[in-house]
Amino acid sequence: MTDHDMASPETDANDSEDGAGGGWLKAVLPLAGFAVVVGFFVWGLLFSKPRELPSVLIGKPVPTFSLPALNGARTLDGRPVPSLSSDDLKATPGVKMLSFFASWCVGCRDEHPFLMELARRKVIPIYGVAYKDQPEKSLAWLEQLGNPYERIGVDLKGRVGIDFGVYGIPESFFIDDRGVIIYKYIGPLNPKAWTENVMPALKAAMARKDGKGHENALQ
């Protein structure tokens, strides 16, 4: 009889349990590692500051596009809202703002009162892109909350959003009189964000451009 044959039943049982335990660990460890990676990803989405992410389009001309108008939409003074194209962004003097919005966007609803205030005070021209939204829903949303946009383009399939690198709305692009993107803000705008993030960035960008800050567009 060999030494192995003489091993006690308890020893054999323990060896079997160790083997099973080792197999269990081998199966669980990769899942645990994956869970940690997912956890960091979710944490980043929820708690990081996406507005601080740089855009590869900063300093470059706006992508070429032409979008149909949101039929039925009216400006603050009651005029029909025109369509929107990249040429419109280049033709308008001074700094202007391009906002990607949708009726289904919770953050867009959060920032909307502030956009309305900017529009009423004529702080900066605001153009809108109705992003992946049914036109009738966009129109109903603006009729309910008010329309801060001087022009609106309907990006039903989100293709223009892709060209701008949009990955989550609201996103706001700030464009100079040459049609060059000088700043991008991700997330809902509010007075604090405008004062602490947007205005300093725009003034710095315009100062780099021509040595002055275009204060009339940034008050």
Protein backbone atom coordinates (compact mmCIF):
# COMPACT_ATOMS: atom_id res chain seq x y z
CA MET A 1 0.00 0.00 0.00
CA THR A 2 1.43 3.32 -0.98
CA ASP A 3 1.61 6.41 1.13
CA HIS A 4 -1.16 7.94 -0.99
CA ASP A 5 -3.39 4.93 -0.33
CA MET A 6 -2.79 5.39 3.39
CA ALA A 7 -3.96 9.01 3.42
CA SER A 8 -6.92 9.64 5.71
CA PRO A 9 -10.37 10.44 4.29
CA GLU A 10 -10.13 13.86 5.96
CA THR A 11 -6.96 14.64 4.04
CA ASP A 12 -8.56 13.67 0.73
CA ALA A 13 -11.60 15.80 1.53
CA ASN A 14 -9.45 18.82 2.36
CA ASP A 15 -7.46 18.44 -0.84
CA SER A 16 -10.73 18.31 -2.78
CA GLU A 17 -12.05 21.42 -1.05
CA ASP A 18 -8.79 23.31 -1.71
CA GLY A 19 -9.01 22.43 -5.37
CA ALA A 20 -12.59 23.60 -5.57
CA GLY A 21 -11.72 26.77 -3.72
CA GLY A 22 -8.85 27.48 -6.07
CA GLY A 23 -11.14 27.05 -9.05
CA TRP A 24 -13.70 29.38 -7.49
CA LEU A 25 -11.07 32.05 -6.95
CA LYS A 26 -9.83 31.74 -10.50
CA ALA A 27 -13.35 32.34 -11.73
CA VAL A 28 -14.17 35.21 -9.38
CA LEU A 29 -10.96 37.24 -9.52
CA PRO A 30 -11.36 38.37 -13.17
CA LEU A 31 -14.96 39.36 -12.41
CA ALA A 32 -13.85 41.30 -9.36
CA GLY A 33 -11.23 43.11 -11.42
CA PHE A 34 -13.83 43.96 -14.05
CA ALA A 35 -16.17 45.26 -11.36
CA VAL A 36 -13.43 47.57 -10.05
CA VAL A 37 -12.83 48.95 -13.56
CA VAL A 38 -16.56 49.53 -14.07
CA GLY A 39 -16.75 51.18 -10.66
CA PHE A 40 -14.03 53.66 -11.56
CA PHE A 41 -15.75 54.36 -14.87
CA VAL A 42 -19.10 55.05 -13.21
CA TRP A 43 -17.43 57.17 -10.57
CA GLY A 44 -15.79 59.20 -13.29
CA LEU A 45 -19.09 59.78 -15.03
CA LEU A 46 -20.88 60.79 -11.86
CA PHE A 47 -18.29 62.73 -9.93
CA SER A 48 -15.62 63.96 -12.32
CA LYS A 49 -15.83 67.36 -13.98
CA PRO A 50 -16.54 66.68 -17.66
CA ARG A 51 -16.66 70.42 -18.35
CA GLU A 52 -12.89 70.42 -17.92
CA LEU A 53 -12.26 67.87 -20.66
CA PRO A 54 -10.39 69.48 -23.57
CA SER A 55 -11.78 69.45 -27.10
CA VAL A 56 -9.66 68.72 -30.16
CA LEU A 57 -11.72 71.36 -32.00
CA ILE A 58 -10.49 74.28 -29.89
CA GLY A 59 -8.69 76.69 -32.19
CA LYS A 60 -10.19 75.15 -35.32
CA PRO A 61 -13.00 76.34 -37.62
CA VAL A 62 -16.45 74.97 -36.97
CA PRO A 63 -17.25 71.82 -38.95
CA THR A 64 -19.15 72.48 -42.18
CA PHE A 65 -22.87 71.78 -41.80
CA SER A 66 -26.32 72.95 -42.82
CA LEU A 67 -29.38 72.05 -40.77
CA PRO A 68 -33.09 72.65 -41.40
CA ALA A 69 -35.04 75.05 -39.23
CA LEU A 70 -37.33 74.03 -36.39
CA ASN A 71 -40.61 74.87 -38.06
CA GLY A 72 -42.99 76.85 -35.86
CA ALA A 73 -40.33 78.13 -33.45
CA ARG A 74 -40.33 81.85 -32.69
CA THR A 75 -37.63 84.16 -31.38
CA LEU A 76 -38.11 86.23 -28.24
CA ASP A 77 -39.41 89.11 -30.35
CA GLY A 78 -41.84 86.87 -32.23
CA ARG A 79 -39.99 86.28 -35.52
CA PRO A 80 -39.79 82.82 -37.12
CA VAL A 81 -36.53 81.15 -36.08
CA PRO A 82 -34.23 80.69 -39.11
CA SER A 83 -32.28 77.53 -39.93
CA LEU A 84 -28.64 77.12 -38.95
CA SER A 85 -25.43 76.46 -40.86
CA SER A 86 -21.72 76.81 -40.33
CA ASP A 87 -21.80 79.89 -42.59
CA ASP A 88 -24.16 81.59 -40.11
CA LEU A 89 -21.62 81.04 -37.33
CA LYS A 90 -18.86 82.56 -39.44
CA ALA A 91 -20.91 85.51 -40.67
CA THR A 92 -22.07 86.76 -37.26
CA PRO A 93 -19.65 89.31 -35.73
CA GLY A 94 -18.29 88.90 -32.22
CA VAL A 95 -18.40 85.85 -29.97
CA LYS A 96 -21.45 83.64 -30.19
CA MET A 97 -22.63 80.51 -28.41
CA LEU A 98 -23.77 77.25 -29.99
CA SER A 99 -25.85 75.08 -27.66
CA PHE A 100 -26.75 71.42 -28.24
CA PHE A 101 -30.06 70.69 -26.52
CA ALA A 102 -33.04 68.32 -26.52
CA SER A 103 -36.42 68.06 -24.84
CA TRP A 104 -35.40 64.73 -23.25
CA CYS A 105 -32.26 66.22 -21.67
CA VAL A 106 -32.58 66.82 -17.91
CA GLY A 107 -29.46 69.01 -17.80
CA CYS A 108 -30.85 71.15 -20.62
CA ARG A 109 -33.92 71.87 -18.54
CA ASP A 110 -31.69 72.79 -15.61
CA GLU A 111 -29.71 75.33 -17.63
CA HIS A 112 -32.63 76.74 -19.64
CA PRO A 113 -33.61 79.57 -17.26
CA PHE A 114 -30.04 80.86 -17.38
CA LEU A 115 -29.98 80.75 -21.18
CA MET A 116 -33.23 82.69 -21.21
CA GLU A 117 -31.65 85.31 -18.96
CA LEU A 118 -28.63 85.60 -21.27
CA ALA A 119 -30.95 86.02 -24.24
CA ARG A 120 -33.16 88.63 -22.56
CA ARG A 121 -30.12 90.66 -21.53
CA LYS A 122 -28.57 90.21 -25.01
CA VAL A 123 -25.32 89.09 -23.38
CA ILE A 124 -24.29 86.89 -26.29
CA PRO A 125 -26.02 85.54 -29.42
CA ILE A 126 -27.17 81.98 -28.74
CA TYR A 127 -27.74 79.48 -31.53
CA GLY A 128 -29.28 76.09 -30.87
CA VAL A 129 -28.99 72.58 -32.27
CA ALA A 130 -31.95 70.33 -31.48
CA TYR A 131 -29.98 67.14 -30.98
CA LYS A 132 -31.53 63.72 -31.67
CA ASP A 133 -34.97 65.03 -30.78
CA GLN A 134 -38.30 64.85 -32.60
CA PRO A 135 -39.03 68.36 -33.95
CA GLU A 136 -42.52 68.44 -32.45
CA LYS A 137 -41.08 67.66 -29.02
CA SER A 138 -38.37 70.31 -29.36
CA LEU A 139 -41.00 72.84 -30.40
CA ALA A 140 -43.35 71.99 -27.54
CA TRP A 141 -40.46 72.21 -25.08
CA LEU A 142 -39.47 75.70 -26.27
CA GLU A 143 -43.08 76.87 -26.32
CA GLN A 144 -43.38 75.80 -22.69
CA LEU A 145 -40.07 77.15 -21.38
CA GLY A 146 -39.28 79.95 -23.84
CA ASN A 147 -36.83 80.16 -26.71
CA PRO A 148 -33.40 81.74 -26.09
CA TYR A 149 -32.05 80.80 -29.55
CA GLU A 150 -31.73 83.21 -32.46
CA ARG A 151 -31.30 80.32 -34.89
CA ILE A 152 -32.07 76.62 -34.51
CA GLY A 153 -30.92 73.68 -36.59
CA VAL A 154 -32.57 70.26 -36.33
CA ASP A 155 -29.93 67.52 -36.02
CA LEU A 156 -32.37 64.64 -35.98
CA LYS A 157 -29.82 61.85 -36.49
CA GLY A 158 -27.02 63.51 -34.49
CA ARG A 159 -24.58 63.68 -37.41
CA VAL A 160 -23.58 67.29 -36.77
CA GLY A 161 -23.16 66.41 -33.10
CA ILE A 162 -20.68 63.72 -34.13
CA ASP A 163 -18.70 66.27 -36.15
CA PHE A 164 -18.54 68.52 -33.09
CA GLY A 165 -17.49 65.65 -30.83
CA VAL A 166 -20.66 65.84 -28.73
CA TYR A 167 -21.02 62.90 -26.35
CA GLY A 168 -23.47 64.18 -23.76
CA ILE A 169 -25.71 67.22 -23.72
CA PRO A 170 -26.01 70.01 -22.85
CA GLU A 171 -22.77 71.07 -24.51
CA SER A 172 -21.95 74.65 -25.42
CA PHE A 173 -19.41 75.83 -27.98
CA PHE A 174 -18.16 79.40 -28.12
CA ILE A 175 -17.15 80.69 -31.53
CA ASP A 176 -15.34 83.87 -32.53
CA ASP A 177 -16.04 86.19 -35.47
CA ARG A 178 -13.91 84.06 -37.79
CA GLY A 179 -15.95 80.94 -37.09
CA VAL A 180 -13.22 79.44 -34.91
CA ILE A 181 -14.14 77.47 -31.78
CA ILE A 182 -12.44 79.13 -28.82
CA TYR A 183 -14.03 77.29 -25.88
CA LYS A 184 -16.27 74.34 -25.06
CA TYR A 185 -18.30 73.85 -21.90
CA ILE A 186 -19.84 70.49 -21.03
CA GLY A 187 -22.79 70.36 -18.67
CA PRO A 188 -25.56 72.75 -17.61
CA LEU A 189 -24.60 76.40 -17.58
CA ASN A 190 -25.54 78.58 -14.61
CA PRO A 191 -24.39 81.93 -13.19
CA LYS A 192 -21.54 80.33 -11.22
CA ALA A 193 -20.22 78.39 -14.21
CA TRP A 194 -20.55 81.47 -16.41
CA THR A 195 -18.58 83.65 -14.01
CA GLU A 196 -15.93 81.14 -12.95
CA ASN A 197 -15.42 79.10 -16.13
CA VAL A 198 -16.86 80.65 -19.27
CA MET A 199 -15.99 84.33 -18.95
CA PRO A 200 -12.34 83.82 -17.93
CA ALA A 201 -11.84 81.30 -20.74
CA LEU A 202 -13.41 83.55 -23.37
CA LYS A 203 -11.51 86.61 -22.27
CA ALA A 204 -8.25 84.69 -22.29
CA ALA A 205 -8.99 83.31 -25.76
CA MET A 206 -9.84 86.71 -27.18
CA ALA A 207 -6.81 88.28 -25.51
CA ARG A 208 -4.60 85.72 -27.21
CA LYS A 209 -6.29 86.49 -30.50
CA ASP A 210 -6.08 90.26 -30.65
CA GLY A 211 -4.97 91.67 -27.32
CA LYS A 212 -8.40 92.68 -26.11
CA GLY A 213 -11.29 90.92 -24.45
CA HIS A 214 -14.45 91.90 -26.37
CA GLU A 215 -16.02 92.92 -23.09
CA ASN A 216 -19.36 93.80 -24.74
CA ALA A 217 -19.98 90.12 -25.51
CA LEU A 218 -18.93 88.81 -22.13
CA GLN A 219 -20.67 90.96 -19.54
